[in-house]
Amino acid sequence: MSSPVRAIFLVAAPDQPGLVARLAGFFSEAGLNILDASNHTDLPEEGGARFFMRLVVDLTALASARAQQKLGGSTTRKALEASFQGLCTELSATWSVRYSDVPPRVALLVTRESACFYDLVLRQRQGELPCEIPIVISNHPTLEPVAEGFRIPFFCLPVTAATKPQQEAQILELLRRHHIDLVVLARYMQVLSDTFLQEAPPVINIHHGFLPAFQGAKPYHQAHARGVKLIGATAHYATKDLDQGPIIEQDVARVTHQQGPEEMVRVGRDVERIVLARAVRAHLEHRVLVEGRRTIVL
């Protein structure tokens, strides 16, 4: 038996009395059942409080007479969205929606490191990541056989400092051609330009440590030299400010003086895979609201 089609709404608004009741009441009046709901109110030291909510709505009754009456005679998704926009305008809210029967299309950008690439594709094939992966893009041919093994089209676009604008334009064209909704940097070892990020869909990156952390080459060797006891990884949205984008997910693993740099690399690679997969899943499940330089993950 297939699951009912769901609409997942994310809402952000200035906090005010009755928000939960009004948002839930909108769907109740249309005869639509709420399957899951979570909310959070941010109380900053300065400025007004902010309210965030995620609602998972069963669309089975969208064709009912009750829904038709609520939505002005139509029972289409566009009518639902237009009516919900009216409520959000009254609440000074911003919102977005994703439908469970429209899987997001994800492009993986890779270089030579295969761990995160393998992990994401295997999770997607096992149903853990609700998405399609129609393309893999790289600046090196190293992982082309891996993509071929999974029967995913692979595009190799070499890049130098001189050709970076042209290479990024080629990537953007591929993203448009394949209707990509999300870009994941699965250890893609290139800095993306601000121009690229402004035109591309959301981009998730994985960083080898907590941010800020050891910068530059050989981070695990630096960590070993400092005698660190924890190593970690951070998944964040890419922005023009290098490694400063809103953080989605983080985790750590303990290490000891007995572990050398190569062992730390192995431990760190495990953490990176887990953290990146969690971040991508949260985005695909429409759980992440970006608020300034931070995220609210519901």
Foldseek 3Di string as FASTA:
>chain_A
DDDFKKKKKKKKFFDDPPPVVVVVVLCVQLVKDWPDKDKDWADDPDDTIMIIMITIIGLPCLVPPSNCVSQVNDSDPVSVVVSVVVVCVVRVMDMDMDMLVAAAEEEEEEEQDCLLVVLQVVCVVVVNARHHHQEYEYCDCNCVVVCVVVPHHYHHQHDDPVCQVVSLVVVLVVCVVVVHQEYEHSHHPDADAQVSCVSHHWYKYKAFFPPPADDDPLRLQVCLVVFDFKTKMWIATDHNPPPQAATQFMDIDTDGNVDHSVNVVVVSSVRRNVGSSVSSRQVSVVQWDDDPRYIGGD
